[in-house]
Amino acid sequence: MSQLEIDAIVFDVLGTLVDEPTGIGDGIRELDPSLDEPGIERLVSLWQQHVGREQRRVLDGARPYATSDALDLEAARLVADAVGADDPTAVAALARSARRLPPWPDSLAGLARLAERFPVLGLSNASRTALLELDAHAGLRWHQALSAEDARTYKPDPAVYRLAVTVAARPPERLLMVAAHAWDLRGAQALGLRTAYVARPVGDPAAPADRFDLHAEGLADLAGQLCPDHGR
């Protein structure tokens, strides 16, 4: 495989580096310990569907921009209503579970290896505050982390990917966007970034028509492709 000529790597966070369903599920379990696993999975889906729908409404201009914190609180209220919980303190604690997401087993080592060779940026739909807490909880280490809040919109709006291009001060084609979501990579691709799809148990799989520059089974695989003789 020919080596990609890139100057920096841009990582999606939610789903790509951290396990969002598990973290939210843990918060739901704390709210109502009597729930069984299918019940928790159903409520995690309710949460994620709400957040995804409201982000699309922002993108479509049907709703003014609201931070991920506001959307998570709305989702937490929906979940709390579904289980009959009405304590505001418990609902607020549940909303904060979106900031306590465990990293995938290969995330920390993979990031560390890649960061020895390339500048590494995080680029997330999470708010600035949420991203700070996410990074601290999961132990993620960047050279810089960027929030879509600075563009007051959400991926896949080009304005979000442009944040990374501006900070890196490199042409888009010299940046590699890494994500477990094909829709995210398509958005980056539209702005000219190179793309790497990383398979995760959650996410948006690549479609047959997608043409991403790299496909990896995980971060160890990606690091092996990008720096095969570096940092072993």
C-alpha atoms as a PDB file:
ATOM      1  CA  MET A   1       0.000   0.000   0.000  1.00  0.00           C
ATOM      2  CA  SER A   2       1.352   3.433  -0.925  1.00  0.00           C
ATOM      3  CA  GLN A   3       1.913   5.760   2.005  1.00  0.00           C
ATOM      4  CA  LEU A   4      -0.613   8.582   2.349  1.00  0.00           C
ATOM      5  CA  GLU A   5       1.011  11.992   2.304  1.00  0.00           C
ATOM      6  CA  ILE A   6      -0.594  13.660   5.310  1.00  0.00           C
ATOM      7  CA  ASP A   7       0.538  16.244   7.833  1.00  0.00           C
ATOM      8  CA  ALA A   8      -1.984  15.713  10.649  1.00  0.00           C
ATOM      9  CA  ILE A   9      -4.718  13.340  11.823  1.00  0.00           C
ATOM     10  CA  VAL A  10      -8.191  14.466  12.882  1.00  0.00           C
ATOM     11  CA  PHE A  11     -10.214  12.075  15.042  1.00  0.00           C
ATOM     12  CA  ASP A  12     -13.919  11.864  15.604  1.00  0.00           C
ATOM     13  CA  VAL A  13     -14.534  11.107  19.273  1.00  0.00           C
ATOM     14  CA  LEU A  14     -18.024   9.754  20.041  1.00  0.00           C
ATOM     15  CA  GLY A  15     -18.227   6.163  18.869  1.00  0.00           C
ATOM     16  CA  THR A  16     -14.768   6.229  17.279  1.00  0.00           C
ATOM     17  CA  LEU A  17     -12.602   6.594  20.389  1.00  0.00           C
ATOM     18  CA  VAL A  18     -15.140   6.177  23.197  1.00  0.00           C
ATOM     19  CA  ASP A  19     -18.002   3.732  23.681  1.00  0.00           C
ATOM     20  CA  GLU A  20     -21.020   6.014  23.865  1.00  0.00           C
ATOM     21  CA  PRO A  21     -23.773   3.387  24.388  1.00  0.00           C
ATOM     22  CA  THR A  22     -21.949   1.779  27.305  1.00  0.00           C
ATOM     23  CA  GLY A  23     -21.349   5.083  29.082  1.00  0.00           C
ATOM     24  CA  ILE A  24     -24.929   6.275  28.683  1.00  0.00           C
ATOM     25  CA  GLY A  25     -26.187   2.816  29.631  1.00  0.00           C
ATOM     26  CA  ASP A  26     -24.190   2.988  32.861  1.00  0.00           C
ATOM     27  CA  GLY A  27     -25.878   6.293  33.675  1.00  0.00           C
ATOM     28  CA  ILE A  28     -29.321   4.827  32.999  1.00  0.00           C
ATOM     29  CA  ARG A  29     -28.503   1.827  35.177  1.00  0.00           C
ATOM     30  CA  GLU A  30     -27.602   4.181  38.040  1.00  0.00           C
ATOM     31  CA  LEU A  31     -30.894   6.015  37.581  1.00  0.00           C
ATOM     32  CA  ASP A  32     -32.940   2.808  37.729  1.00  0.00           C
ATOM     33  CA  PRO A  33     -31.039  -0.318  38.895  1.00  0.00           C
ATOM     34  CA  SER A  34     -34.149  -2.455  38.324  1.00  0.00           C
ATOM     35  CA  LEU A  35     -33.884  -2.191  34.531  1.00  0.00           C
ATOM     36  CA  ASP A  36     -32.795  -5.270  32.587  1.00  0.00           C
ATOM     37  CA  GLU A  37     -30.325  -5.079  29.698  1.00  0.00           C
ATOM     38  CA  PRO A  38     -32.967  -4.939  26.911  1.00  0.00           C
ATOM     39  CA  GLY A  39     -34.636  -2.089  28.778  1.00  0.00           C
ATOM     40  CA  ILE A  40     -31.364  -0.202  29.079  1.00  0.00           C
ATOM     41  CA  GLU A  41     -30.595  -0.731  25.401  1.00  0.00           C
ATOM     42  CA  ARG A  42     -34.023   0.619  24.470  1.00  0.00           C
ATOM     43  CA  LEU A  43     -33.475   3.751  26.544  1.00  0.00           C
ATOM     44  CA  VAL A  44     -29.961   4.286  25.150  1.00  0.00           C
ATOM     45  CA  SER A  45     -31.520   4.126  21.684  1.00  0.00           C
ATOM     46  CA  LEU A  46     -34.177   6.647  22.742  1.00  0.00           C
ATOM     47  CA  TRP A  47     -31.419   8.991  23.929  1.00  0.00           C
ATOM     48  CA  GLN A  48     -29.301   8.674  20.803  1.00  0.00           C
ATOM     49  CA  GLN A  49     -32.260   9.008  18.471  1.00  0.00           C
ATOM     50  CA  HIS A  50     -33.284  12.245  20.161  1.00  0.00           C
ATOM     51  CA  VAL A  51     -29.814  13.752  19.983  1.00  0.00           C
ATOM     52  CA  GLY A  52     -29.366  12.713  16.361  1.00  0.00           C
ATOM     53  CA  ARG A  53     -32.779  14.079  15.375  1.00  0.00           C
ATOM     54  CA  GLU A  54     -32.196  17.420  17.092  1.00  0.00           C
ATOM     55  CA  GLN A  55     -28.740  17.817  15.559  1.00  0.00           C
ATOM     56  CA  ARG A  56     -30.306  17.261  12.142  1.00  0.00           C
ATOM     57  CA  ARG A  57     -32.925  19.919  12.934  1.00  0.00           C
ATOM     58  CA  VAL A  58     -30.099  22.352  13.694  1.00  0.00           C
ATOM     59  CA  LEU A  59     -28.420  21.444  10.417  1.00  0.00           C
ATOM     60  CA  ASP A  60     -31.696  21.880   8.526  1.00  0.00           C
ATOM     61  CA  GLY A  61     -32.328  25.280  10.093  1.00  0.00           C
ATOM     62  CA  ALA A  62     -35.451  24.014  11.860  1.00  0.00           C
ATOM     63  CA  ARG A  63     -33.946  24.760  15.276  1.00  0.00           C
ATOM     64  CA  PRO A  64     -31.460  27.348  16.522  1.00  0.00           C
ATOM     65  CA  TYR A  65     -28.085  25.965  17.534  1.00  0.00           C
ATOM     66  CA  ALA A  66     -28.090  24.297  20.953  1.00  0.00           C
ATOM     67  CA  THR A  67     -25.001  22.775  22.549  1.00  0.00           C
ATOM     68  CA  SER A  68     -24.605  19.052  23.038  1.00  0.00           C
ATOM     69  CA  ASP A  69     -25.104  19.711  26.758  1.00  0.00           C
ATOM     70  CA  ALA A  70     -28.616  21.018  26.089  1.00  0.00           C
ATOM     71  CA  LEU A  71     -29.444  18.090  23.817  1.00  0.00           C
ATOM     72  CA  ASP A  72     -28.124  15.567  26.347  1.00  0.00           C
ATOM     73  CA  LEU A  73     -30.234  17.130  29.083  1.00  0.00           C
ATOM     74  CA  GLU A  74     -33.311  16.877  26.856  1.00  0.00           C
ATOM     75  CA  ALA A  75     -32.485  13.233  26.173  1.00  0.00           C
ATOM     76  CA  ALA A  76     -31.953  12.547  29.882  1.00  0.00           C
ATOM     77  CA  ARG A  77     -35.369  14.020  30.647  1.00  0.00           C
ATOM     78  CA  LEU A  78     -36.963  11.754  28.043  1.00  0.00           C
ATOM     79  CA  VAL A  79     -35.286   8.715  29.591  1.00  0.00           C
ATOM     80  CA  ALA A  80     -36.219   9.786  33.107  1.00  0.00           C
ATOM     81  CA  ASP A  81     -39.843  10.289  32.040  1.00  0.00           C
ATOM     82  CA  ALA A  82     -39.836   6.805  30.517  1.00  0.00           C
ATOM     83  CA  VAL A  83     -38.865   5.227  33.860  1.00  0.00           C
ATOM     84  CA  GLY A  84     -40.951   7.545  36.009  1.00  0.00           C
ATOM     85  CA  ALA A  85     -38.041   9.432  37.574  1.00  0.00           C
ATOM     86  CA  ASP A  86     -38.618  13.121  38.283  1.00  0.00           C
ATOM     87  CA  ASP A  87     -35.788  14.153  40.622  1.00  0.00           C
ATOM     88  CA  PRO A  88     -33.996  17.073  38.875  1.00  0.00           C
ATOM     89  CA  THR A  89     -30.705  16.157  40.532  1.00  0.00           C
ATOM     90  CA  ALA A  90     -30.918  12.594  39.224  1.00  0.00           C
ATOM     91  CA  VAL A  91     -31.823  13.836  35.743  1.00  0.00           C
ATOM     92  CA  ALA A  92     -28.841  16.211  35.736  1.00  0.00           C
ATOM     93  CA  ALA A  93     -26.559  13.378  36.837  1.00  0.00           C
ATOM     94  CA  LEU A  94     -27.932  11.204  34.052  1.00  0.00           C
ATOM     95  CA  ALA A  95     -27.239  13.928  31.489  1.00  0.00           C
ATOM     96  CA  ARG A  96     -23.624  14.072  32.659  1.00  0.00           C
ATOM     97  CA  SER A  97     -23.197  10.381  31.876  1.00  0.00           C
ATOM     98  CA  ALA A  98     -22.694  11.511  28.263  1.00  0.00           C
ATOM     99  CA  ARG A  99     -19.363  12.918  29.481  1.00  0.00           C
ATOM    100  CA  ARG A 100     -18.260   9.708  31.208  1.00  0.00           C
ATOM    101  CA  LEU A 101     -17.717   7.400  28.267  1.00  0.00           C
ATOM    102  CA  PRO A 102     -15.122   4.607  28.393  1.00  0.00           C
ATOM    103  CA  PRO A 103     -12.474   4.445  25.675  1.00  0.00           C
ATOM    104  CA  TRP A 104     -12.387   1.462  23.357  1.00  0.00           C
ATOM    105  CA  PRO A 105      -9.622  -0.954  24.446  1.00  0.00           C
ATOM    106  CA  ASP A 106      -7.228   0.135  21.680  1.00  0.00           C
ATOM    107  CA  SER A 107      -7.901   3.895  21.762  1.00  0.00           C
ATOM    108  CA  LEU A 108      -5.236   5.074  24.183  1.00  0.00           C
ATOM    109  CA  ALA A 109      -2.355   3.039  22.800  1.00  0.00           C
ATOM    110  CA  GLY A 110      -3.368   3.773  19.211  1.00  0.00           C
ATOM    111  CA  LEU A 111      -3.574   7.504  19.824  1.00  0.00           C
ATOM    112  CA  ALA A 112      -0.226   7.507  21.601  1.00  0.00           C
ATOM    113  CA  ARG A 113       1.479   5.686  18.752  1.00  0.00           C
ATOM    114  CA  LEU A 114       0.028   7.944  16.078  1.00  0.00           C
ATOM    115  CA  ALA A 115       0.819  11.085  18.090  1.00  0.00           C
ATOM    116  CA  GLU A 116       4.505  10.156  18.076  1.00  0.00           C
ATOM    117  CA  ARG A 117       4.540  10.729  14.333  1.00  0.00           C
ATOM    118  CA  PHE A 118       1.693  13.133  13.519  1.00  0.00           C
ATOM    119  CA  PRO A 119      -0.031  16.113  15.114  1.00  0.00           C
ATOM    120  CA  VAL A 120      -3.336  14.702  16.368  1.00  0.00           C
ATOM    121  CA  LEU A 121      -6.553  16.662  16.762  1.00  0.00           C
ATOM    122  CA  GLY A 122      -9.910  15.644  18.168  1.00  0.00           C
ATOM    123  CA  LEU A 123     -12.971  17.016  16.367  1.00  0.00           C
ATOM    124  CA  SER A 124     -16.254  16.380  18.120  1.00  0.00           C
ATOM    125  CA  ASN A 125     -19.902  17.388  18.102  1.00  0.00           C
ATOM    126  CA  ALA A 126     -19.586  17.466  21.904  1.00  0.00           C
ATOM    127  CA  SER A 127     -19.506  20.915  23.478  1.00  0.00           C
ATOM    128  CA  ARG A 128     -16.235  22.424  24.664  1.00  0.00           C
ATOM    129  CA  THR A 129     -16.995  21.582  28.292  1.00  0.00           C
ATOM    130  CA  ALA A 130     -18.258  18.092  27.479  1.00  0.00           C
ATOM    131  CA  LEU A 131     -15.195  17.413  25.334  1.00  0.00           C
ATOM    132  CA  LEU A 132     -12.894  18.486  28.154  1.00  0.00           C
ATOM    133  CA  GLU A 133     -14.595  16.088  30.574  1.00  0.00           C
ATOM    134  CA  LEU A 134     -14.791  13.300  27.983  1.00  0.00           C
ATOM    135  CA  ASP A 135     -11.072  13.543  27.325  1.00  0.00           C
ATOM    136  CA  ALA A 136     -10.224  13.637  31.016  1.00  0.00           C
ATOM    137  CA  HIS A 137     -12.476  10.691  31.908  1.00  0.00           C
ATOM    138  CA  ALA A 138     -11.340   8.458  29.051  1.00  0.00           C
ATOM    139  CA  GLY A 139      -7.677   9.447  29.303  1.00  0.00           C
ATOM    140  CA  LEU A 140      -7.522  10.661  25.698  1.00  0.00           C
ATOM    141  CA  ARG A 141      -4.429  12.621  24.801  1.00  0.00           C
ATOM    142  CA  TRP A 142      -4.360  15.103  21.949  1.00  0.00           C
ATOM    143  CA  HIS A 143      -2.213  17.858  20.666  1.00  0.00           C
ATOM    144  CA  GLN A 144      -5.482  19.796  20.432  1.00  0.00           C
ATOM    145  CA  ALA A 145      -9.204  19.066  20.725  1.00  0.00           C
ATOM    146  CA  LEU A 146     -11.819  21.034  18.781  1.00  0.00           C
ATOM    147  CA  SER A 147     -15.537  21.298  19.440  1.00  0.00           C
ATOM    148  CA  ALA A 148     -18.282  21.870  16.889  1.00  0.00           C
ATOM    149  CA  GLU A 149     -19.549  24.446  19.373  1.00  0.00           C
ATOM    150  CA  ASP A 150     -16.978  26.847  17.917  1.00  0.00           C
ATOM    151  CA  ALA A 151     -18.781  26.629  14.567  1.00  0.00           C
ATOM    152  CA  ARG A 152     -22.231  26.700  16.222  1.00  0.00           C
ATOM    153  CA  THR A 153     -23.375  23.780  14.138  1.00  0.00           C
ATOM    154  CA  TYR A 154     -22.797  20.037  13.926  1.00  0.00           C
ATOM    155  CA  LYS A 155     -20.963  17.629  11.698  1.00  0.00           C
ATOM    156  CA  PRO A 156     -21.364  16.990   8.821  1.00  0.00           C
ATOM    157  CA  ASP A 157     -21.639  20.759   8.256  1.00  0.00           C
ATOM    158  CA  PRO A 158     -18.451  21.792   6.393  1.00  0.00           C
ATOM    159  CA  ALA A 159     -17.892  24.567   8.945  1.00  0.00           C
ATOM    160  CA  VAL A 160     -16.976  21.987  11.577  1.00  0.00           C
ATOM    161  CA  TYR A 161     -14.298  20.282   9.470  1.00  0.00           C
ATOM    162  CA  ARG A 162     -13.024  23.721   8.504  1.00  0.00           C
ATOM    163  CA  LEU A 163     -12.112  24.255  12.171  1.00  0.00           C
ATOM    164  CA  ALA A 164      -9.503  21.508  11.863  1.00  0.00           C
ATOM    165  CA  VAL A 165      -8.219  22.833   8.548  1.00  0.00           C
ATOM    166  CA  THR A 166      -7.825  26.311  10.043  1.00  0.00           C
ATOM    167  CA  VAL A 167      -6.046  25.118  13.195  1.00  0.00           C
ATOM    168  CA  ALA A 168      -3.736  22.752  11.308  1.00  0.00           C
ATOM    169  CA  ALA A 169      -2.957  25.484   8.745  1.00  0.00           C
ATOM    170  CA  ARG A 170      -2.624  22.847   6.057  1.00  0.00           C
ATOM    171  CA  PRO A 171      -4.558  22.180   2.856  1.00  0.00           C
ATOM    172  CA  PRO A 172      -7.523  19.840   3.484  1.00  0.00           C
ATOM    173  CA  GLU A 173      -5.935  17.079   1.423  1.00  0.00           C
ATOM    174  CA  ARG A 174      -3.024  16.995   3.871  1.00  0.00           C
ATOM    175  CA  LEU A 175      -5.327  16.082   6.779  1.00  0.00           C
ATOM    176  CA  LEU A 176      -6.684  12.610   7.513  1.00  0.00           C
ATOM    177  CA  MET A 177     -10.129  12.375   9.114  1.00  0.00           C
ATOM    178  CA  VAL A 178     -10.619   9.183  11.133  1.00  0.00           C
ATOM    179  CA  ALA A 179     -14.103   8.025  12.138  1.00  0.00           C
ATOM    180  CA  ALA A 180     -16.303   4.994  12.708  1.00  0.00           C
ATOM    181  CA  HIS A 181     -19.155   6.812  10.974  1.00  0.00           C
ATOM    182  CA  ALA A 182     -19.335   6.817   7.184  1.00  0.00           C
ATOM    183  CA  TRP A 183     -21.543   9.916   7.229  1.00  0.00           C
ATOM    184  CA  ASP A 184     -18.822  11.782   9.132  1.00  0.00           C
ATOM    185  CA  LEU A 185     -16.166  10.759   6.631  1.00  0.00           C
ATOM    186  CA  ARG A 186     -18.367  11.774   3.717  1.00  0.00           C
ATOM    187  CA  GLY A 187     -18.694  15.221   5.281  1.00  0.00           C
ATOM    188  CA  ALA A 188     -14.923  15.526   5.642  1.00  0.00           C
ATOM    189  CA  GLN A 189     -14.409  14.183   2.145  1.00  0.00           C
ATOM    190  CA  ALA A 190     -16.684  16.876   0.714  1.00  0.00           C
ATOM    191  CA  LEU A 191     -14.284  19.504   2.063  1.00  0.00           C
ATOM    192  CA  GLY A 192     -11.288  17.697   0.587  1.00  0.00           C
ATOM    193  CA  LEU A 193      -9.901  15.853   3.632  1.00  0.00           C
ATOM    194  CA  ARG A 194      -8.460  12.373   3.272  1.00  0.00           C
ATOM    195  CA  THR A 195     -10.448   9.719   5.120  1.00  0.00           C
ATOM    196  CA  ALA A 196      -9.944   6.572   7.205  1.00  0.00           C
ATOM    197  CA  TYR A 197     -12.830   4.365   8.292  1.00  0.00           C
ATOM    198  CA  VAL A 198     -12.279   2.505  11.585  1.00  0.00           C
ATOM    199  CA  ALA A 199     -14.637  -0.375  12.362  1.00  0.00           C
ATOM    200  CA  ARG A 200     -16.353  -0.246  15.758  1.00  0.00           C
ATOM    201  CA  PRO A 201     -19.234  -2.255  17.256  1.00  0.00           C
ATOM    202  CA  VAL A 202     -21.285   0.953  16.992  1.00  0.00           C
ATOM    203  CA  GLY A 203     -21.211   3.533  14.250  1.00  0.00           C
ATOM    204  CA  ASP A 204     -22.249   3.926  10.644  1.00  0.00           C
ATOM    205  CA  PRO A 205     -20.648   1.276   8.403  1.00  0.00           C
ATOM    206  CA  ALA A 206     -19.232   2.201   5.033  1.00  0.00           C
ATOM    207  CA  ALA A 207     -21.549   1.667   2.076  1.00  0.00           C
ATOM    208  CA  PRO A 208     -20.443  -0.129  -1.106  1.00  0.00           C
ATOM    209  CA  ALA A 209     -20.275   3.208  -2.922  1.00  0.00           C
ATOM    210  CA  ASP A 210     -17.964   4.810  -0.337  1.00  0.00           C
ATOM    211  CA  ARG A 211     -14.365   5.360  -1.384  1.00  0.00           C
ATOM    212  CA  PHE A 212     -12.341   6.101   1.705  1.00  0.00           C
ATOM    213  CA  ASP A 213      -8.548   6.231   1.603  1.00  0.00           C
ATOM    214  CA  LEU A 214      -8.054   3.726   4.415  1.00  0.00           C
ATOM    215  CA  HIS A 215     -10.091   1.033   6.151  1.00  0.00           C
ATOM    216  CA  ALA A 216      -8.911  -0.262   9.528  1.00  0.00           C
ATOM    217  CA  GLU A 217     -10.177  -2.851  12.003  1.00  0.00           C
ATOM    218  CA  GLY A 218      -9.142  -0.656  14.916  1.00  0.00           C
ATOM    219  CA  LEU A 219      -6.565   1.905  15.976  1.00  0.00           C
ATOM    220  CA  ALA A 220      -3.747  -0.615  16.178  1.00  0.00           C
ATOM    221  CA  ASP A 221      -4.451  -1.556  12.570  1.00  0.00           C
ATOM    222  CA  LEU A 222      -4.636   2.106  11.554  1.00  0.00           C
ATOM    223  CA  ALA A 223      -1.349   2.895  13.291  1.00  0.00           C
ATOM    224  CA  GLY A 224       0.231  -0.083  11.575  1.00  0.00           C
ATOM    225  CA  GLN A 225      -0.874   1.242   8.202  1.00  0.00           C
ATOM    226  CA  LEU A 226       0.209   4.828   8.811  1.00  0.00           C
ATOM    227  CA  CYS A 227       3.470   4.232  10.655  1.00  0.00           C
ATOM    228  CA  PRO A 228       4.472   0.578  10.162  1.00  0.00           C
ATOM    229  CA  ASP A 229       8.074   1.103  11.264  1.00  0.00           C
ATOM    230  CA  HIS A 230       7.486   3.739  13.917  1.00  0.00           C
ATOM    231  CA  GLY A 231       6.816   3.520  17.636  1.00  0.00           C
ATOM    232  CA  ARG A 232       6.554  -0.256  18.003  1.00  0.00           C
END
